[in-house]
N, C-alpha and C. Protein backbone atom coordinates (compact mmCIF):
# COMPACT_ATOMS: atom_id res chain seq x y z
N MET A 1 -36.71 -26.13 95.71
CA MET A 1 -37.17 -25.02 94.91
C MET A 1 -37.27 -25.46 93.46
N GLY A 2 -37.99 -24.72 92.68
CA GLY A 2 -38.19 -25.05 91.27
C GLY A 2 -36.96 -24.74 90.45
N GLN A 3 -37.08 -25.04 89.20
CA GLN A 3 -35.98 -24.85 88.28
C GLN A 3 -36.00 -23.45 87.69
N PRO A 4 -34.88 -22.74 87.77
CA PRO A 4 -34.83 -21.42 87.15
C PRO A 4 -34.89 -21.55 85.63
N GLN A 5 -35.52 -20.60 84.99
CA GLN A 5 -35.65 -20.64 83.54
C GLN A 5 -34.33 -20.37 82.82
N SER A 6 -33.31 -19.92 83.54
CA SER A 6 -32.05 -19.59 82.88
C SER A 6 -31.22 -20.82 82.54
N LYS A 7 -31.62 -22.00 83.03
CA LYS A 7 -30.85 -23.20 82.71
C LYS A 7 -31.00 -23.49 81.22
N PRO A 8 -29.87 -23.73 80.54
CA PRO A 8 -29.95 -23.98 79.11
C PRO A 8 -30.50 -25.37 78.84
N SER A 9 -31.16 -25.48 77.70
CA SER A 9 -31.60 -26.81 77.29
C SER A 9 -30.40 -27.50 76.67
N LYS A 10 -30.36 -28.79 76.80
CA LYS A 10 -29.33 -29.58 76.15
C LYS A 10 -29.84 -29.88 74.76
N PRO A 11 -29.25 -29.28 73.73
CA PRO A 11 -29.79 -29.49 72.39
C PRO A 11 -29.69 -30.96 71.99
N SER A 12 -30.66 -31.38 71.22
CA SER A 12 -30.65 -32.74 70.71
C SER A 12 -29.44 -32.93 69.80
N ILE A 13 -29.04 -34.18 69.66
CA ILE A 13 -27.99 -34.50 68.70
C ILE A 13 -28.55 -34.16 67.33
N PRO A 14 -27.83 -33.34 66.55
CA PRO A 14 -28.39 -32.94 65.26
C PRO A 14 -28.66 -34.16 64.37
N ARG A 15 -29.88 -34.29 63.93
CA ARG A 15 -30.27 -35.34 63.00
C ARG A 15 -31.63 -34.96 62.43
N PHE A 16 -31.96 -35.51 61.29
CA PHE A 16 -33.28 -35.28 60.72
C PHE A 16 -34.26 -36.13 61.50
N PRO A 17 -35.44 -35.61 61.79
CA PRO A 17 -36.38 -36.39 62.60
C PRO A 17 -36.85 -37.64 61.88
N GLN A 18 -37.20 -38.63 62.69
CA GLN A 18 -37.77 -39.87 62.19
C GLN A 18 -39.28 -39.83 62.43
N PRO A 19 -40.07 -40.53 61.61
CA PRO A 19 -41.52 -40.56 61.84
C PRO A 19 -41.83 -40.98 63.28
N GLY A 20 -42.70 -40.21 63.91
CA GLY A 20 -43.06 -40.46 65.30
C GLY A 20 -42.30 -39.62 66.29
N ASP A 21 -41.29 -38.88 65.84
CA ASP A 21 -40.53 -38.01 66.73
C ASP A 21 -41.36 -36.80 67.15
N HIS A 22 -41.17 -36.38 68.39
CA HIS A 22 -41.73 -35.14 68.91
C HIS A 22 -40.67 -34.08 68.63
N ILE A 23 -41.01 -33.11 67.81
CA ILE A 23 -40.05 -32.06 67.47
C ILE A 23 -40.55 -30.73 68.04
N TYR A 24 -39.63 -29.80 68.19
CA TYR A 24 -39.99 -28.47 68.67
C TYR A 24 -38.98 -27.46 68.17
N CYS A 25 -39.35 -26.20 68.28
CA CYS A 25 -38.45 -25.10 67.93
C CYS A 25 -38.78 -23.92 68.82
N GLU A 26 -37.77 -23.10 69.08
CA GLU A 26 -37.97 -21.91 69.90
C GLU A 26 -38.71 -20.85 69.10
N ARG A 27 -39.54 -20.12 69.78
CA ARG A 27 -40.26 -18.99 69.19
C ARG A 27 -39.95 -17.74 70.01
N LYS A 28 -40.05 -16.60 69.36
CA LYS A 28 -39.87 -15.30 70.02
C LYS A 28 -38.55 -15.24 70.79
N GLY A 29 -37.47 -15.72 70.17
CA GLY A 29 -36.15 -15.66 70.80
C GLY A 29 -36.02 -16.51 72.05
N GLY A 30 -36.80 -17.58 72.15
CA GLY A 30 -36.70 -18.47 73.29
C GLY A 30 -37.74 -18.23 74.37
N LEU A 31 -38.67 -17.29 74.12
CA LEU A 31 -39.72 -17.02 75.09
C LEU A 31 -40.57 -18.27 75.33
N TYR A 32 -40.83 -19.02 74.26
CA TYR A 32 -41.55 -20.28 74.38
C TYR A 32 -41.14 -21.18 73.23
N ASP A 33 -41.52 -22.44 73.30
CA ASP A 33 -41.23 -23.42 72.25
C ASP A 33 -42.53 -23.89 71.63
N HIS A 34 -42.47 -24.20 70.33
CA HIS A 34 -43.63 -24.75 69.63
C HIS A 34 -43.35 -26.23 69.34
N HIS A 35 -44.36 -27.09 69.58
CA HIS A 35 -44.19 -28.55 69.54
C HIS A 35 -45.11 -29.19 68.51
N GLY A 36 -44.66 -30.32 67.96
CA GLY A 36 -45.48 -31.09 67.05
C GLY A 36 -44.93 -32.50 66.90
N ILE A 37 -45.63 -33.31 66.13
CA ILE A 37 -45.22 -34.69 65.86
C ILE A 37 -44.85 -34.81 64.39
N TYR A 38 -43.62 -35.24 64.14
CA TYR A 38 -43.17 -35.47 62.77
C TYR A 38 -43.76 -36.80 62.32
N VAL A 39 -44.54 -36.78 61.22
CA VAL A 39 -45.23 -37.99 60.78
C VAL A 39 -44.64 -38.57 59.50
N GLY A 40 -43.52 -38.05 59.05
CA GLY A 40 -42.87 -38.55 57.83
C GLY A 40 -43.25 -37.72 56.63
N ASP A 41 -42.59 -37.99 55.50
CA ASP A 41 -42.86 -37.31 54.24
C ASP A 41 -42.76 -35.79 54.40
N ASP A 42 -41.85 -35.33 55.26
CA ASP A 42 -41.62 -33.90 55.54
C ASP A 42 -42.83 -33.19 56.16
N MET A 43 -43.73 -33.95 56.82
CA MET A 43 -44.95 -33.36 57.37
C MET A 43 -44.98 -33.48 58.89
N VAL A 44 -45.63 -32.48 59.53
CA VAL A 44 -45.74 -32.39 60.98
C VAL A 44 -47.20 -32.14 61.34
N ILE A 45 -47.70 -32.84 62.37
CA ILE A 45 -49.03 -32.57 62.90
C ILE A 45 -48.85 -31.85 64.23
N HIS A 46 -49.57 -30.74 64.38
CA HIS A 46 -49.42 -29.95 65.62
C HIS A 46 -50.72 -29.24 65.96
N LEU A 47 -50.84 -28.89 67.23
CA LEU A 47 -51.96 -28.07 67.70
C LEU A 47 -51.53 -26.63 67.53
N GLN A 48 -52.23 -25.90 66.68
CA GLN A 48 -51.79 -24.54 66.36
C GLN A 48 -52.62 -23.46 67.01
N GLY A 49 -53.76 -23.79 67.55
CA GLY A 49 -54.58 -22.78 68.18
C GLY A 49 -55.48 -22.09 67.18
N ALA A 50 -56.49 -21.41 67.69
CA ALA A 50 -57.49 -20.76 66.84
C ALA A 50 -56.95 -19.52 66.15
N ALA A 51 -55.84 -18.99 66.62
CA ALA A 51 -55.31 -17.75 66.05
C ALA A 51 -54.87 -17.94 64.60
N LYS A 52 -54.48 -19.17 64.24
CA LYS A 52 -54.04 -19.44 62.88
C LYS A 52 -55.11 -20.26 62.17
N LYS A 53 -55.52 -19.77 61.03
CA LYS A 53 -56.52 -20.47 60.24
C LYS A 53 -55.94 -20.75 58.87
N LEU A 54 -56.53 -21.73 58.18
CA LEU A 54 -56.04 -22.12 56.87
C LEU A 54 -55.89 -20.93 55.93
N GLY A 55 -56.87 -20.05 55.92
CA GLY A 55 -56.81 -18.90 55.04
C GLY A 55 -55.67 -17.96 55.37
N GLU A 56 -55.20 -17.98 56.63
CA GLU A 56 -54.13 -17.08 57.04
C GLU A 56 -52.74 -17.68 56.83
N LEU A 57 -52.67 -19.00 56.57
CA LEU A 57 -51.38 -19.62 56.34
C LEU A 57 -50.89 -19.25 54.95
N PRO A 58 -49.62 -18.91 54.82
CA PRO A 58 -49.11 -18.55 53.50
C PRO A 58 -49.13 -19.77 52.57
N THR A 59 -49.26 -19.51 51.29
CA THR A 59 -49.21 -20.58 50.31
C THR A 59 -47.83 -21.22 50.36
N CYS A 60 -47.82 -22.53 50.31
CA CYS A 60 -46.54 -23.25 50.37
C CYS A 60 -46.54 -24.33 49.30
N HIS A 61 -45.55 -24.27 48.44
CA HIS A 61 -45.45 -25.27 47.37
C HIS A 61 -45.00 -26.62 47.91
N LYS A 62 -44.30 -26.62 49.03
CA LYS A 62 -43.85 -27.89 49.62
C LYS A 62 -45.02 -28.65 50.25
N CYS A 63 -45.90 -27.93 50.97
CA CYS A 63 -47.08 -28.56 51.56
C CYS A 63 -48.02 -29.06 50.46
N GLY A 64 -48.24 -28.20 49.48
CA GLY A 64 -49.14 -28.56 48.38
C GLY A 64 -50.48 -29.06 48.87
N ASP A 65 -50.94 -30.14 48.27
CA ASP A 65 -52.24 -30.69 48.64
C ASP A 65 -52.15 -31.62 49.85
N LYS A 66 -50.96 -31.73 50.46
CA LYS A 66 -50.80 -32.56 51.66
C LYS A 66 -51.18 -31.79 52.93
N ARG A 67 -51.29 -30.46 52.83
CA ARG A 67 -51.62 -29.64 54.00
C ARG A 67 -53.08 -29.89 54.39
N VAL A 68 -53.29 -30.12 55.69
CA VAL A 68 -54.64 -30.35 56.21
C VAL A 68 -54.79 -29.52 57.48
N VAL A 69 -55.91 -28.83 57.60
CA VAL A 69 -56.21 -28.12 58.84
C VAL A 69 -57.62 -28.53 59.24
N ASN A 70 -57.74 -29.03 60.45
CA ASN A 70 -59.05 -29.42 60.97
C ASN A 70 -59.21 -28.75 62.33
N GLY A 71 -59.95 -27.66 62.36
CA GLY A 71 -60.08 -26.92 63.60
C GLY A 71 -58.73 -26.32 63.98
N GLU A 72 -58.25 -26.69 65.16
CA GLU A 72 -57.00 -26.12 65.66
C GLU A 72 -55.81 -27.05 65.46
N ILE A 73 -56.04 -28.20 64.84
CA ILE A 73 -54.94 -29.13 64.57
C ILE A 73 -54.61 -29.06 63.09
N ALA A 74 -53.32 -29.02 62.79
CA ALA A 74 -52.90 -28.88 61.40
C ALA A 74 -51.80 -29.87 61.06
N LYS A 75 -51.78 -30.24 59.80
CA LYS A 75 -50.69 -31.05 59.24
C LYS A 75 -50.07 -30.18 58.16
N VAL A 76 -48.81 -29.79 58.39
CA VAL A 76 -48.10 -28.90 57.48
C VAL A 76 -46.70 -29.45 57.24
N CYS A 77 -46.03 -28.92 56.24
CA CYS A 77 -44.65 -29.36 55.99
C CYS A 77 -43.75 -28.86 57.13
N ILE A 78 -42.62 -29.51 57.25
CA ILE A 78 -41.70 -29.18 58.33
C ILE A 78 -41.21 -27.73 58.23
N ASP A 79 -41.07 -27.21 57.00
CA ASP A 79 -40.63 -25.82 56.83
C ASP A 79 -41.67 -24.84 57.37
N CYS A 80 -42.95 -25.10 57.09
CA CYS A 80 -44.01 -24.22 57.63
C CYS A 80 -44.07 -24.33 59.15
N PHE A 81 -43.90 -25.54 59.68
CA PHE A 81 -43.91 -25.72 61.13
C PHE A 81 -42.78 -24.94 61.79
N LEU A 82 -41.57 -25.05 61.24
CA LEU A 82 -40.40 -24.39 61.83
C LEU A 82 -40.44 -22.88 61.64
N ASP A 83 -41.01 -22.41 60.53
CA ASP A 83 -41.12 -20.98 60.26
C ASP A 83 -39.78 -20.26 60.43
N GLY A 84 -38.71 -20.89 59.93
CA GLY A 84 -37.39 -20.28 59.98
C GLY A 84 -36.60 -20.55 61.25
N ASP A 85 -37.22 -21.20 62.24
CA ASP A 85 -36.52 -21.51 63.49
C ASP A 85 -35.80 -22.85 63.38
N THR A 86 -34.99 -23.17 64.37
CA THR A 86 -34.14 -24.36 64.35
C THR A 86 -34.86 -25.57 64.92
N LEU A 87 -34.83 -26.65 64.18
CA LEU A 87 -35.45 -27.91 64.60
C LEU A 87 -34.70 -28.51 65.78
N GLN A 88 -35.46 -28.95 66.77
CA GLN A 88 -34.89 -29.71 67.89
C GLN A 88 -35.79 -30.90 68.14
N ILE A 89 -35.21 -31.96 68.68
CA ILE A 89 -35.97 -33.18 68.93
C ILE A 89 -36.10 -33.38 70.44
N TYR A 90 -37.33 -33.49 70.87
CA TYR A 90 -37.70 -33.68 72.27
C TYR A 90 -37.28 -35.10 72.67
N GLU A 91 -36.70 -35.24 73.83
CA GLU A 91 -36.21 -36.55 74.26
C GLU A 91 -37.13 -37.18 75.30
N TYR A 92 -37.28 -38.49 75.20
CA TYR A 92 -38.10 -39.27 76.13
C TYR A 92 -37.24 -40.28 76.86
N GLY A 93 -37.67 -40.63 78.07
CA GLY A 93 -36.96 -41.63 78.86
C GLY A 93 -35.68 -41.10 79.49
N VAL A 94 -35.59 -39.77 79.68
CA VAL A 94 -34.40 -39.23 80.33
C VAL A 94 -34.48 -39.53 81.83
N THR A 95 -33.35 -39.66 82.46
CA THR A 95 -33.33 -39.93 83.89
C THR A 95 -33.84 -38.71 84.65
N TYR A 96 -34.34 -38.91 85.87
CA TYR A 96 -34.84 -37.77 86.66
C TYR A 96 -33.73 -36.76 86.98
N PRO A 97 -32.50 -37.20 87.30
CA PRO A 97 -31.45 -36.19 87.50
C PRO A 97 -31.20 -35.35 86.24
N GLU A 98 -31.21 -35.99 85.07
CA GLU A 98 -31.02 -35.24 83.82
C GLU A 98 -32.21 -34.32 83.57
N PHE A 99 -33.42 -34.82 83.81
CA PHE A 99 -34.64 -34.03 83.62
C PHE A 99 -34.61 -32.77 84.48
N SER A 100 -34.14 -32.90 85.73
CA SER A 100 -34.12 -31.75 86.64
C SER A 100 -33.11 -30.69 86.22
N LYS A 101 -32.11 -31.07 85.41
CA LYS A 101 -31.09 -30.11 84.96
C LYS A 101 -31.47 -29.41 83.66
N ARG A 102 -32.39 -29.98 82.93
CA ARG A 102 -32.72 -29.48 81.60
C ARG A 102 -33.80 -28.41 81.63
N LYS A 103 -33.81 -27.59 80.61
CA LYS A 103 -34.87 -26.59 80.44
C LYS A 103 -36.19 -27.35 80.27
N ARG A 104 -37.20 -26.94 81.01
CA ARG A 104 -38.51 -27.58 80.90
C ARG A 104 -39.06 -27.42 79.48
N GLY A 105 -39.71 -28.48 79.01
CA GLY A 105 -40.28 -28.45 77.67
C GLY A 105 -39.36 -28.96 76.59
N THR A 106 -38.26 -29.62 77.01
CA THR A 106 -37.31 -30.17 76.03
C THR A 106 -37.17 -31.68 76.16
N CYS A 107 -37.72 -32.25 77.24
CA CYS A 107 -37.56 -33.68 77.48
C CYS A 107 -38.62 -34.17 78.46
N CYS A 108 -38.70 -35.50 78.60
CA CYS A 108 -39.71 -36.10 79.45
C CYS A 108 -39.11 -37.35 80.10
N PRO A 109 -39.36 -37.59 81.38
CA PRO A 109 -38.83 -38.79 82.02
C PRO A 109 -39.59 -40.06 81.62
N ARG A 110 -40.78 -39.92 81.06
CA ARG A 110 -41.54 -41.10 80.63
C ARG A 110 -41.00 -41.61 79.30
N TYR A 111 -41.27 -42.86 79.04
CA TYR A 111 -40.86 -43.45 77.77
C TYR A 111 -41.97 -43.26 76.74
N SER A 112 -41.56 -43.21 75.49
CA SER A 112 -42.48 -43.02 74.38
C SER A 112 -43.06 -44.36 73.92
N ARG A 113 -44.23 -44.27 73.35
CA ARG A 113 -44.82 -45.41 72.66
C ARG A 113 -44.05 -45.65 71.37
N PRO A 114 -44.27 -46.78 70.72
CA PRO A 114 -43.64 -47.02 69.42
C PRO A 114 -44.11 -45.97 68.39
N PRO A 115 -43.26 -45.65 67.42
CA PRO A 115 -43.59 -44.61 66.44
C PRO A 115 -44.93 -44.79 65.74
N HIS A 116 -45.30 -46.01 65.37
CA HIS A 116 -46.56 -46.19 64.65
C HIS A 116 -47.77 -45.80 65.51
N LEU A 117 -47.69 -46.01 66.83
CA LEU A 117 -48.79 -45.60 67.71
C LEU A 117 -48.82 -44.08 67.89
N VAL A 118 -47.64 -43.46 67.91
CA VAL A 118 -47.55 -42.00 68.03
C VAL A 118 -48.19 -41.35 66.81
N ILE A 119 -47.84 -41.85 65.63
CA ILE A 119 -48.39 -41.30 64.38
C ILE A 119 -49.89 -41.55 64.31
N SER A 120 -50.34 -42.74 64.75
CA SER A 120 -51.78 -43.03 64.75
C SER A 120 -52.54 -42.08 65.66
N ALA A 121 -51.98 -41.79 66.83
CA ALA A 121 -52.63 -40.86 67.76
C ALA A 121 -52.73 -39.47 67.15
N ALA A 122 -51.63 -38.97 66.59
CA ALA A 122 -51.63 -37.63 66.00
C ALA A 122 -52.61 -37.55 64.83
N THR A 123 -52.62 -38.58 63.99
CA THR A 123 -53.51 -38.60 62.83
C THR A 123 -54.96 -38.66 63.27
N ASP A 124 -55.25 -39.46 64.29
CA ASP A 124 -56.62 -39.56 64.79
C ASP A 124 -57.08 -38.22 65.35
N PHE A 125 -56.23 -37.56 66.14
CA PHE A 125 -56.60 -36.24 66.67
C PHE A 125 -56.87 -35.27 65.52
N LEU A 126 -56.06 -35.32 64.47
CA LEU A 126 -56.25 -34.45 63.31
C LEU A 126 -57.58 -34.75 62.62
N GLU A 127 -57.84 -36.03 62.35
CA GLU A 127 -59.05 -36.39 61.62
C GLU A 127 -60.32 -36.09 62.41
N ARG A 128 -60.28 -36.26 63.72
CA ARG A 128 -61.46 -36.02 64.56
C ARG A 128 -61.53 -34.59 65.08
N ASN A 129 -60.44 -33.82 64.91
CA ASN A 129 -60.30 -32.53 65.59
C ASN A 129 -60.65 -32.76 67.06
N GLY A 130 -60.05 -33.83 67.60
CA GLY A 130 -60.47 -34.33 68.89
C GLY A 130 -59.59 -33.99 70.06
N PHE A 131 -58.76 -32.98 69.98
CA PHE A 131 -57.91 -32.66 71.13
C PHE A 131 -58.45 -31.51 71.96
N GLY A 132 -59.47 -30.86 71.47
CA GLY A 132 -60.06 -29.75 72.21
C GLY A 132 -59.41 -28.44 71.84
N PRO A 133 -60.03 -27.34 72.25
CA PRO A 133 -59.51 -26.01 71.90
C PRO A 133 -58.20 -25.69 72.63
N TYR A 134 -57.37 -24.94 71.94
CA TYR A 134 -56.08 -24.53 72.48
C TYR A 134 -56.29 -23.69 73.74
N ASP A 135 -55.52 -23.98 74.76
CA ASP A 135 -55.45 -23.18 75.97
C ASP A 135 -54.00 -23.23 76.44
N MET A 136 -53.38 -22.09 76.59
CA MET A 136 -51.96 -22.06 76.91
C MET A 136 -51.61 -22.89 78.15
N PHE A 137 -52.46 -22.88 79.16
CA PHE A 137 -52.13 -23.56 80.41
C PHE A 137 -52.57 -25.01 80.47
N THR A 138 -53.68 -25.35 79.85
CA THR A 138 -54.21 -26.70 80.03
C THR A 138 -54.31 -27.53 78.76
N ASN A 139 -54.08 -26.93 77.58
CA ASN A 139 -54.24 -27.68 76.33
C ASN A 139 -53.45 -27.02 75.21
N ASN A 140 -52.12 -27.06 75.34
CA ASN A 140 -51.29 -26.39 74.35
C ASN A 140 -50.59 -27.40 73.44
N CYS A 141 -49.71 -26.91 72.57
CA CYS A 141 -49.05 -27.77 71.59
C CYS A 141 -48.16 -28.82 72.25
N GLU A 142 -47.55 -28.51 73.39
CA GLU A 142 -46.74 -29.53 74.08
C GLU A 142 -47.64 -30.59 74.71
N HIS A 143 -48.78 -30.19 75.28
CA HIS A 143 -49.74 -31.17 75.78
C HIS A 143 -50.09 -32.16 74.66
N PHE A 144 -50.37 -31.61 73.48
CA PHE A 144 -50.74 -32.44 72.32
C PHE A 144 -49.64 -33.43 71.97
N ALA A 145 -48.41 -32.94 71.80
CA ALA A 145 -47.31 -33.81 71.38
C ALA A 145 -46.97 -34.85 72.44
N VAL A 146 -46.92 -34.46 73.72
CA VAL A 146 -46.62 -35.42 74.79
C VAL A 146 -47.74 -36.46 74.89
N CYS A 147 -48.98 -36.04 74.69
CA CYS A 147 -50.09 -36.99 74.71
C CYS A 147 -49.95 -38.01 73.59
N CYS A 148 -49.60 -37.57 72.40
CA CYS A 148 -49.39 -38.51 71.29
C CYS A 148 -48.27 -39.50 71.61
N LYS A 149 -47.23 -39.03 72.28
CA LYS A 149 -46.07 -39.88 72.59
C LYS A 149 -46.29 -40.81 73.77
N THR A 150 -47.04 -40.37 74.79
CA THR A 150 -47.13 -41.15 76.03
C THR A 150 -48.55 -41.53 76.43
N GLY A 151 -49.55 -40.85 75.88
CA GLY A 151 -50.92 -41.08 76.29
C GLY A 151 -51.37 -40.16 77.41
N SER A 152 -50.48 -39.34 77.94
CA SER A 152 -50.81 -38.41 79.01
C SER A 152 -50.41 -37.00 78.58
N ALA A 153 -51.35 -36.08 78.60
CA ALA A 153 -51.10 -34.71 78.14
C ALA A 153 -50.44 -33.89 79.23
N ASP A 154 -49.16 -33.60 79.05
CA ASP A 154 -48.41 -32.79 80.01
C ASP A 154 -47.67 -31.69 79.27
N SER A 155 -47.45 -30.57 79.97
CA SER A 155 -46.65 -29.49 79.43
C SER A 155 -45.62 -29.10 80.47
N TYR A 156 -44.44 -29.65 80.32
CA TYR A 156 -43.35 -29.34 81.25
C TYR A 156 -42.88 -27.91 81.07
N GLN A 157 -43.06 -27.36 79.87
CA GLN A 157 -42.71 -25.97 79.60
C GLN A 157 -43.53 -25.04 80.51
N ILE A 158 -44.83 -25.28 80.60
CA ILE A 158 -45.70 -24.46 81.46
C ILE A 158 -45.29 -24.65 82.92
N GLU A 159 -45.04 -25.89 83.33
CA GLU A 159 -44.60 -26.13 84.71
C GLU A 159 -43.31 -25.37 85.00
N GLY A 160 -42.39 -25.33 84.03
CA GLY A 160 -41.15 -24.59 84.20
C GLY A 160 -41.38 -23.10 84.36
N HIS A 161 -42.32 -22.55 83.56
CA HIS A 161 -42.64 -21.13 83.69
C HIS A 161 -43.26 -20.84 85.05
N ILE A 162 -44.13 -21.74 85.52
CA ILE A 162 -44.75 -21.56 86.84
C ILE A 162 -43.67 -21.60 87.92
N GLU A 163 -42.76 -22.57 87.82
CA GLU A 163 -41.68 -22.66 88.80
C GLU A 163 -40.83 -21.40 88.81
N GLY A 164 -40.53 -20.86 87.62
CA GLY A 164 -39.73 -19.64 87.54
C GLY A 164 -40.40 -18.45 88.19
N VAL A 165 -41.70 -18.30 87.98
CA VAL A 165 -42.46 -17.21 88.60
C VAL A 165 -42.49 -17.39 90.11
N ILE A 166 -42.70 -18.62 90.54
CA ILE A 166 -42.79 -18.89 91.97
C ILE A 166 -41.47 -18.61 92.67
N ASP A 167 -40.37 -19.03 92.03
CA ASP A 167 -39.05 -18.84 92.64
C ASP A 167 -38.71 -17.38 92.85
N THR A 168 -39.27 -16.50 92.03
CA THR A 168 -38.94 -15.09 92.14
C THR A 168 -40.09 -14.25 92.66
N GLY A 169 -41.26 -14.85 92.79
CA GLY A 169 -42.45 -14.10 93.17
C GLY A 169 -42.83 -14.29 94.62
N PRO A 170 -44.04 -13.83 94.94
CA PRO A 170 -44.51 -13.87 96.33
C PRO A 170 -44.79 -15.29 96.83
N PHE A 171 -44.84 -16.28 95.92
CA PHE A 171 -45.12 -17.64 96.34
C PHE A 171 -43.85 -18.43 96.66
N ALA A 172 -42.69 -17.78 96.67
CA ALA A 172 -41.42 -18.47 96.88
C ALA A 172 -41.43 -19.29 98.17
N MET A 173 -42.09 -18.79 99.18
CA MET A 173 -42.10 -19.52 100.45
C MET A 173 -42.99 -20.76 100.40
N VAL A 174 -44.00 -20.77 99.53
CA VAL A 174 -44.90 -21.91 99.41
C VAL A 174 -44.16 -23.09 98.79
N GLY A 175 -43.30 -22.80 97.87
CA GLY A 175 -42.54 -23.85 97.20
C GLY A 175 -43.15 -24.20 95.86
N ALA A 176 -42.27 -24.34 94.91
CA ALA A 176 -42.70 -24.63 93.54
C ALA A 176 -43.42 -25.95 93.43
N SER A 177 -42.97 -26.95 94.16
CA SER A 177 -43.57 -28.27 94.00
C SER A 177 -45.04 -28.27 94.40
N VAL A 178 -45.42 -27.50 95.42
CA VAL A 178 -46.82 -27.45 95.85
C VAL A 178 -47.67 -26.78 94.78
N VAL A 179 -47.21 -25.67 94.22
CA VAL A 179 -47.98 -24.96 93.22
C VAL A 179 -48.05 -25.74 91.92
N VAL A 180 -46.93 -26.37 91.52
CA VAL A 180 -46.95 -27.19 90.31
C VAL A 180 -47.89 -28.37 90.50
N ALA A 181 -47.89 -28.96 91.68
CA ALA A 181 -48.82 -30.07 91.96
C ALA A 181 -50.26 -29.59 91.84
N ALA A 182 -50.55 -28.41 92.37
CA ALA A 182 -51.91 -27.85 92.26
C ALA A 182 -52.26 -27.60 90.80
N TYR A 183 -51.31 -27.10 90.03
CA TYR A 183 -51.53 -26.90 88.58
C TYR A 183 -51.84 -28.23 87.91
N SER A 184 -51.05 -29.25 88.22
CA SER A 184 -51.24 -30.56 87.61
C SER A 184 -52.61 -31.14 87.95
N ILE A 185 -53.03 -30.97 89.19
CA ILE A 185 -54.35 -31.47 89.59
C ILE A 185 -55.45 -30.71 88.85
N SER A 186 -55.33 -29.39 88.77
CA SER A 186 -56.37 -28.61 88.08
C SER A 186 -56.39 -28.96 86.60
N LYS A 187 -55.24 -29.19 86.01
CA LYS A 187 -55.17 -29.59 84.61
C LYS A 187 -55.83 -30.93 84.41
N GLY A 188 -55.58 -31.86 85.32
CA GLY A 188 -56.17 -33.19 85.23
C GLY A 188 -57.68 -33.16 85.35
N VAL A 189 -58.18 -32.28 86.20
CA VAL A 189 -59.63 -32.16 86.37
C VAL A 189 -60.27 -31.60 85.11
N SER A 190 -59.60 -30.64 84.45
CA SER A 190 -60.18 -30.01 83.28
C SER A 190 -59.92 -30.79 82.00
N GLN A 191 -59.01 -31.74 82.04
CA GLN A 191 -58.60 -32.47 80.85
C GLN A 191 -59.60 -33.55 80.48
N LYS A 192 -59.88 -33.64 79.19
CA LYS A 192 -60.75 -34.71 78.71
C LYS A 192 -59.95 -35.98 78.60
N SER A 193 -60.56 -37.10 78.86
CA SER A 193 -59.85 -38.36 78.72
C SER A 193 -59.67 -38.67 77.24
N SER A 194 -58.59 -39.32 76.94
CA SER A 194 -58.26 -39.66 75.56
C SER A 194 -58.22 -41.17 75.40
N SER A 195 -58.59 -41.63 74.23
CA SER A 195 -58.52 -43.06 73.96
C SER A 195 -57.09 -43.48 73.68
N TRP A 196 -56.18 -42.50 73.66
CA TRP A 196 -54.79 -42.81 73.35
C TRP A 196 -54.02 -42.94 74.63
């Protein structure tokens, strides 16, 4: 069966992020997490979606002239990214037993690329506005950050939500792994290939 959403995430060891880190914070009291790539100099690149536009972002003296928005991808200061929420660092290379115990969307069993490649990928996506339009299921902020880190756009948070619905819904007999596999296949079919 899939993983229940009630499993707590194992918080990262408190530390300030390093350039190339995948960071995230809870939104709406833990309903979902928002993800981005810390690129240094107190700045984060993230997929923000069409709902937020440059004109709608509040003026920030910390971002100053370093703030960049290109379509749905933005580079903002870490304070604007966190929006008052608590910084957490997404972990890569966790073992499968550890991954199965953790809240989805907080870690990945794959290993990360070196930081300079992660930053290059995020910067290239920003400059080209090349990640495609935001879609909660197939192209969200976690897809963006995991793609920058590994080259493959995945959202374990969405898979976790699907597993939670399946475990309690009418699909419980089908099994979470079958439905998550179908989701992954459909995501792969709709996903554009990346040079990263």
